[in-house]
Amino acid sequence: ETVVLRKANPLAAIKVGVKKTYYFV
């Protein structure tokens, strides 16, 4: 299942990026 993570708010987008980076690490 493909889920697209997209946030219009830059702060929300940064938050998603930090969570994904933590998951990868």
PDB file of all heavy atoms in Angstrom:
ATOM      1  N   GLU A   1       0.841  -1.189   0.000  1.00  0.00           N
ATOM      2  CA  GLU A   1       0.000   0.000   0.000  1.00  0.00           C
ATOM      3  C   GLU A   1       0.882   1.247   0.000  1.00  0.00           C
ATOM      4  O   GLU A   1       1.806   1.379   0.798  1.00  0.00           O
ATOM      5  CB  GLU A   1      -0.898   0.008   1.237  1.00  0.00           C
ATOM      6  CG  GLU A   1      -1.843   1.209   1.274  1.00  0.00           C
ATOM      7  CD  GLU A   1      -2.690   1.222   2.534  1.00  0.00           C
ATOM      8  OE1 GLU A   1      -2.509   0.318   3.372  1.00  0.00           O
ATOM      9  OE2 GLU A   1      -3.516   2.129   2.680  1.00  0.00           O
ATOM     10  N   THR A   2       0.630   2.143  -0.924  1.00  0.00           N
ATOM     11  CA  THR A   2       1.414   3.367  -1.043  1.00  0.00           C
ATOM     12  C   THR A   2       0.683   4.511  -0.344  1.00  0.00           C
ATOM     13  O   THR A   2      -0.487   4.771  -0.621  1.00  0.00           O
ATOM     14  CB  THR A   2       1.638   3.734  -2.517  1.00  0.00           C
ATOM     15  OG1 THR A   2       2.310   2.647  -3.167  1.00  0.00           O
ATOM     16  CG2 THR A   2       2.498   4.986  -2.643  1.00  0.00           C
ATOM     17  N   VAL A   3       1.390   5.157   0.566  1.00  0.00           N
ATOM     18  CA  VAL A   3       0.826   6.295   1.284  1.00  0.00           C
ATOM     19  C   VAL A   3       1.705   7.511   1.024  1.00  0.00           C
ATOM     20  O   VAL A   3       2.922   7.468   1.250  1.00  0.00           O
ATOM     21  CB  VAL A   3       0.753   6.019   2.806  1.00  0.00           C
ATOM     22  CG1 VAL A   3       0.194   7.233   3.535  1.00  0.00           C
ATOM     23  CG2 VAL A   3      -0.099   4.793   3.080  1.00  0.00           C
ATOM     24  N   VAL A   4       1.123   8.560   0.513  1.00  0.00           N
ATOM     25  CA  VAL A   4       1.861   9.783   0.229  1.00  0.00           C
ATOM     26  C   VAL A   4       1.773  10.710   1.434  1.00  0.00           C
ATOM     27  O   VAL A   4       0.676  11.072   1.879  1.00  0.00           O
ATOM     28  CB  VAL A   4       1.297  10.487  -1.031  1.00  0.00           C
ATOM     29  CG1 VAL A   4       2.057  11.790  -1.292  1.00  0.00           C
ATOM     30  CG2 VAL A   4       1.394   9.571  -2.236  1.00  0.00           C
ATOM     31  N   LEU A   5       2.941  11.058   1.983  1.00  0.00           N
ATOM     32  CA  LEU A   5       2.998  11.981   3.104  1.00  0.00           C
ATOM     33  C   LEU A   5       3.308  13.369   2.567  1.00  0.00           C
ATOM     34  O   LEU A   5       4.399  13.616   2.063  1.00  0.00           O
ATOM     35  CB  LEU A   5       4.074  11.544   4.107  1.00  0.00           C
ATOM     36  CG  LEU A   5       3.871  10.183   4.761  1.00  0.00           C
ATOM     37  CD1 LEU A   5       5.039   9.847   5.671  1.00  0.00           C
ATOM     38  CD2 LEU A   5       2.571  10.166   5.550  1.00  0.00           C
ATOM     39  N   ARG A   6       2.347  14.246   2.651  1.00  0.00           N
ATOM     40  CA  ARG A   6       2.541  15.598   2.128  1.00  0.00           C
ATOM     41  C   ARG A   6       1.922  16.596   3.101  1.00  0.00           C
ATOM     42  O   ARG A   6       0.763  16.435   3.499  1.00  0.00           O
ATOM     43  CB  ARG A   6       1.907  15.735   0.743  1.00  0.00           C
ATOM     44  CG  ARG A   6       2.072  17.131   0.134  1.00  0.00           C
ATOM     45  CD  ARG A   6       1.428  17.223  -1.247  1.00  0.00           C
ATOM     46  NE  ARG A   6       2.123  16.377  -2.201  1.00  0.00           N
ATOM     47  CZ  ARG A   6       1.511  15.531  -3.028  1.00  0.00           C
ATOM     48  NH1 ARG A   6       0.193  15.412  -2.975  1.00  0.00           N
ATOM     49  NH2 ARG A   6       2.197  14.811  -3.884  1.00  0.00           N
ATOM     50  N   LYS A   7       2.694  17.581   3.494  1.00  0.00           N
ATOM     51  CA  LYS A   7       2.221  18.604   4.408  1.00  0.00           C
ATOM     52  C   LYS A   7       2.418  19.981   3.764  1.00  0.00           C
ATOM     53  O   LYS A   7       3.495  20.291   3.261  1.00  0.00           O
ATOM     54  CB  LYS A   7       2.977  18.544   5.736  1.00  0.00           C
ATOM     55  CG  LYS A   7       2.826  17.227   6.492  1.00  0.00           C
ATOM     56  CD  LYS A   7       1.412  17.027   6.994  1.00  0.00           C
ATOM     57  CE  LYS A   7       1.296  15.749   7.799  1.00  0.00           C
ATOM     58  NZ  LYS A   7      -0.080  15.514   8.293  1.00  0.00           N
ATOM     59  N   ALA A   8       1.358  20.779   3.779  1.00  0.00           N
ATOM     60  CA  ALA A   8       1.451  22.129   3.221  1.00  0.00           C
ATOM     61  C   ALA A   8       2.195  23.068   4.160  1.00  0.00           C
ATOM     62  O   ALA A   8       2.911  23.975   3.727  1.00  0.00           O
ATOM     63  CB  ALA A   8       0.041  22.679   2.927  1.00  0.00           C
ATOM     64  N   ASN A   9       2.050  22.830   5.455  1.00  0.00           N
ATOM     65  CA  ASN A   9       2.723  23.657   6.446  1.00  0.00           C
ATOM     66  C   ASN A   9       4.189  23.237   6.549  1.00  0.00           C
ATOM     67  O   ASN A   9       4.493  22.080   6.808  1.00  0.00           O
ATOM     68  CB  ASN A   9       2.032  23.484   7.808  1.00  0.00           C
ATOM     69  CG  ASN A   9       2.558  24.469   8.843  1.00  0.00           C
ATOM     70  OD1 ASN A   9       3.748  24.739   8.905  1.00  0.00           O
ATOM     71  ND2 ASN A   9       1.653  24.985   9.656  1.00  0.00           N
ATOM     72  N   PRO A  10       5.157  24.153   6.357  1.00  0.00           N
ATOM     73  CA  PRO A  10       6.584  23.789   6.425  1.00  0.00           C
ATOM     74  C   PRO A  10       6.976  23.165   7.756  1.00  0.00           C
ATOM     75  O   PRO A  10       7.769  22.212   7.785  1.00  0.00           O
ATOM     76  CB  PRO A  10       7.302  25.124   6.201  1.00  0.00           C
ATOM     77  CG  PRO A  10       6.321  25.960   5.462  1.00  0.00           C
ATOM     78  CD  PRO A  10       4.978  25.559   5.968  1.00  0.00           C
ATOM     79  N   LEU A  11       6.454  23.670   8.858  1.00  0.00           N
ATOM     80  CA  LEU A  11       6.791  23.095  10.166  1.00  0.00           C
ATOM     81  C   LEU A  11       6.284  21.660  10.283  1.00  0.00           C
ATOM     82  O   LEU A  11       6.977  20.794  10.829  1.00  0.00           O
ATOM     83  CB  LEU A  11       6.206  23.963  11.279  1.00  0.00           C
ATOM     84  CG  LEU A  11       6.799  25.380  11.409  1.00  0.00           C
ATOM     85  CD1 LEU A  11       6.087  26.154  12.519  1.00  0.00           C
ATOM     86  CD2 LEU A  11       8.294  25.310  11.674  1.00  0.00           C
ATOM     87  N   ALA A  12       5.078  21.439   9.784  1.00  0.00           N
ATOM     88  CA  ALA A  12       4.530  20.079   9.810  1.00  0.00           C
ATOM     89  C   ALA A  12       5.354  19.147   8.918  1.00  0.00           C
ATOM     90  O   ALA A  12       5.584  17.979   9.258  1.00  0.00           O
ATOM     91  CB  ALA A  12       3.070  20.091   9.371  1.00  0.00           C
ATOM     92  N   ALA A  13       5.810  19.681   7.781  1.00  0.00           N
ATOM     93  CA  ALA A  13       6.632  18.880   6.872  1.00  0.00           C
ATOM     94  C   ALA A  13       7.963  18.521   7.530  1.00  0.00           C
ATOM     95  O   ALA A  13       8.450  17.396   7.407  1.00  0.00           O
ATOM     96  CB  ALA A  13       6.869  19.644   5.574  1.00  0.00           C
ATOM     97  N   ILE A  14       8.575  19.476   8.248  1.00  0.00           N
ATOM     98  CA  ILE A  14       9.829  19.208   8.958  1.00  0.00           C
ATOM     99  C   ILE A  14       9.616  18.139  10.033  1.00  0.00           C
ATOM    100  O   ILE A  14      10.454  17.257  10.228  1.00  0.00           O
ATOM    101  CB  ILE A  14      10.382  20.513   9.572  1.00  0.00           C
ATOM    102  CG1 ILE A  14      10.838  21.461   8.458  1.00  0.00           C
ATOM    103  CG2 ILE A  14      11.526  20.215  10.519  1.00  0.00           C
ATOM    104  CD1 ILE A  14      11.255  22.817   8.955  1.00  0.00           C
ATOM    105  N   LYS A  15       8.477  18.225  10.714  1.00  0.00           N
ATOM    106  CA  LYS A  15       8.163  17.237  11.743  1.00  0.00           C
ATOM    107  C   LYS A  15       8.073  15.830  11.149  1.00  0.00           C
ATOM    108  O   LYS A  15       8.598  14.862  11.723  1.00  0.00           O
ATOM    109  CB  LYS A  15       6.852  17.613  12.423  1.00  0.00           C
ATOM    110  CG  LYS A  15       6.474  16.714  13.592  1.00  0.00           C
ATOM    111  CD  LYS A  15       5.184  17.183  14.253  1.00  0.00           C
ATOM    112  CE  LYS A  15       4.793  16.266  15.408  1.00  0.00           C
ATOM    113  NZ  LYS A  15       3.524  16.704  16.040  1.00  0.00           N
ATOM    114  N   VAL A  16       7.424  15.721   9.989  1.00  0.00           N
ATOM    115  CA  VAL A  16       7.329  14.417   9.315  1.00  0.00           C
ATOM    116  C   VAL A  16       8.715  13.932   8.914  1.00  0.00           C
ATOM    117  O   VAL A  16       9.063  12.751   9.083  1.00  0.00           O
ATOM    118  CB  VAL A  16       6.412  14.511   8.077  1.00  0.00           C
ATOM    119  CG1 VAL A  16       6.486  13.223   7.259  1.00  0.00           C
ATOM    120  CG2 VAL A  16       4.981  14.782   8.494  1.00  0.00           C
ATOM    121  N   GLY A  17       9.547  14.847   8.395  1.00  0.00           N
ATOM    122  CA  GLY A  17      10.903  14.473   8.003  1.00  0.00           C
ATOM    123  C   GLY A  17      11.739  13.978   9.171  1.00  0.00           C
ATOM    124  O   GLY A  17      12.487  13.004   9.045  1.00  0.00           O
ATOM    125  N   VAL A  18      11.603  14.638  10.312  1.00  0.00           N
ATOM    126  CA  VAL A  18      12.349  14.214  11.506  1.00  0.00           C
ATOM    127  C   VAL A  18      11.899  12.827  11.954  1.00  0.00           C
ATOM    128  O   VAL A  18      12.734  11.969  12.294  1.00  0.00           O
ATOM    129  CB  VAL A  18      12.157  15.239  12.645  1.00  0.00           C
ATOM    130  CG1 VAL A  18      12.719  14.695  13.956  1.00  0.00           C
ATOM    131  CG2 VAL A  18      12.833  16.559  12.294  1.00  0.00           C
ATOM    132  N   LYS A  19      10.601  12.569  11.934  1.00  0.00           N
ATOM    133  CA  LYS A  19      10.085  11.260  12.335  1.00  0.00           C
ATOM    134  C   LYS A  19      10.586  10.162  11.402  1.00  0.00           C
ATOM    135  O   LYS A  19      10.999   9.090  11.852  1.00  0.00           O
ATOM    136  CB  LYS A  19       8.547  11.277  12.348  1.00  0.00           C
ATOM    137  CG  LYS A  19       7.946  12.005  13.540  1.00  0.00           C
ATOM    138  CD  LYS A  19       6.431  11.869  13.530  1.00  0.00           C
ATOM    139  CE  LYS A  19       5.806  12.528  14.763  1.00  0.00           C
ATOM    140  NZ  LYS A  19       4.323  12.384  14.767  1.00  0.00           N
ATOM    141  N   LYS A  20      10.548  10.436  10.096  1.00  0.00           N
ATOM    142  CA  LYS A  20      11.001   9.432   9.132  1.00  0.00           C
ATOM    143  C   LYS A  20      12.498   9.180   9.275  1.00  0.00           C
ATOM    144  O   LYS A  20      12.963   8.041   9.169  1.00  0.00           O
ATOM    145  CB  LYS A  20      10.667   9.875   7.713  1.00  0.00           C
ATOM    146  CG  LYS A  20       9.189   9.983   7.417  1.00  0.00           C
ATOM    147  CD  LYS A  20       8.470   8.649   7.556  1.00  0.00           C
ATOM    148  CE  LYS A  20       8.844   7.666   6.492  1.00  0.00           C
ATOM    149  NZ  LYS A  20       8.068   6.400   6.592  1.00  0.00           N
ATOM    150  N   THR A  21      13.273  10.249   9.507  1.00  0.00           N
ATOM    151  CA  THR A  21      14.718  10.082   9.682  1.00  0.00           C
ATOM    152  C   THR A  21      15.011   9.250  10.927  1.00  0.00           C
ATOM    153  O   THR A  21      15.883   8.366  10.912  1.00  0.00           O
ATOM    154  CB  THR A  21      15.407  11.451   9.792  1.00  0.00           C
ATOM    155  OG1 THR A  21      15.104  12.228   8.623  1.00  0.00           O
ATOM    156  CG2 THR A  21      16.916  11.290   9.903  1.00  0.00           C
ATOM    157  N   TYR A  22      14.298   9.523  12.004  1.00  0.00           N
ATOM    158  CA  TYR A  22      14.451   8.720  13.232  1.00  0.00           C
ATOM    159  C   TYR A  22      14.138   7.255  12.948  1.00  0.00           C
ATOM    160  O   TYR A  22      14.851   6.349  13.414  1.00  0.00           O
ATOM    161  CB  TYR A  22      13.523   9.264  14.315  1.00  0.00           C
ATOM    162  CG  TYR A  22      13.400   8.360  15.524  1.00  0.00           C
ATOM    163  CD1 TYR A  22      14.414   8.311  16.484  1.00  0.00           C
ATOM    164  CD2 TYR A  22      12.279   7.546  15.692  1.00  0.00           C
ATOM    165  CE1 TYR A  22      14.307   7.468  17.588  1.00  0.00           C
ATOM    166  CE2 TYR A  22      12.171   6.715  16.785  1.00  0.00           C
ATOM    167  CZ  TYR A  22      13.182   6.677  17.733  1.00  0.00           C
ATOM    168  OH  TYR A  22      13.079   5.834  18.814  1.00  0.00           O
ATOM    169  N   TYR A  23      13.110   7.007  12.157  1.00  0.00           N
ATOM    170  CA  TYR A  23      12.729   5.633  11.820  1.00  0.00           C
ATOM    171  C   TYR A  23      13.841   4.953  11.021  1.00  0.00           C
ATOM    172  O   TYR A  23      14.187   3.799  11.280  1.00  0.00           O
ATOM    173  CB  TYR A  23      11.424   5.643  11.020  1.00  0.00           C
ATOM    174  CG  TYR A  23      11.095   4.321  10.377  1.00  0.00           C
ATOM    175  CD1 TYR A  23      10.593   3.255  11.129  1.00  0.00           C
ATOM    176  CD2 TYR A  23      11.294   4.132   9.014  1.00  0.00           C
ATOM    177  CE1 TYR A  23      10.308   2.045  10.541  1.00  0.00           C
ATOM    178  CE2 TYR A  23      11.002   2.915   8.418  1.00  0.00           C
ATOM    179  CZ  TYR A  23      10.511   1.876   9.185  1.00  0.00           C
ATOM    180  OH  TYR A  23      10.230   0.669   8.602  1.00  0.00           O
ATOM    181  N   PHE A  24      14.425   5.665  10.040  1.00  0.00           N
ATOM    182  CA  PHE A  24      15.493   5.081   9.229  1.00  0.00           C
ATOM    183  C   PHE A  24      16.727   4.772  10.071  1.00  0.00           C
ATOM    184  O   PHE A  24      17.349   3.723   9.924  1.00  0.00           O
ATOM    185  CB  PHE A  24      15.870   6.021   8.080  1.00  0.00           C
ATOM    186  CG  PHE A  24      14.799   6.185   7.049  1.00  0.00           C
ATOM    187  CD1 PHE A  24      14.533   7.417   6.479  1.00  0.00           C
ATOM    188  CD2 PHE A  24      14.036   5.099   6.648  1.00  0.00           C
ATOM    189  CE1 PHE A  24      13.544   7.569   5.541  1.00  0.00           C
ATOM    190  CE2 PHE A  24      13.036   5.238   5.703  1.00  0.00           C
ATOM    191  CZ  PHE A  24      12.791   6.481   5.138  1.00  0.00           C
ATOM    192  N   VAL A  25      17.097   5.700  10.964  1.00  0.00           N
ATOM    193  CA  VAL A  25      18.256   5.482  11.831  1.00  0.00           C
ATOM    194  C   VAL A  25      18.016   4.279  12.744  1.00  0.00           C
ATOM    195  O   VAL A  25      18.882   3.410  12.912  1.00  0.00           O
ATOM    196  CB  VAL A  25      18.564   6.750  12.653  1.00  0.00           C
ATOM    197  CG1 VAL A  25      19.607   6.457  13.723  1.00  0.00           C
ATOM    198  CG2 VAL A  25      19.044   7.872  11.740  1.00  0.00           C
TER     199      VAL A  25
END
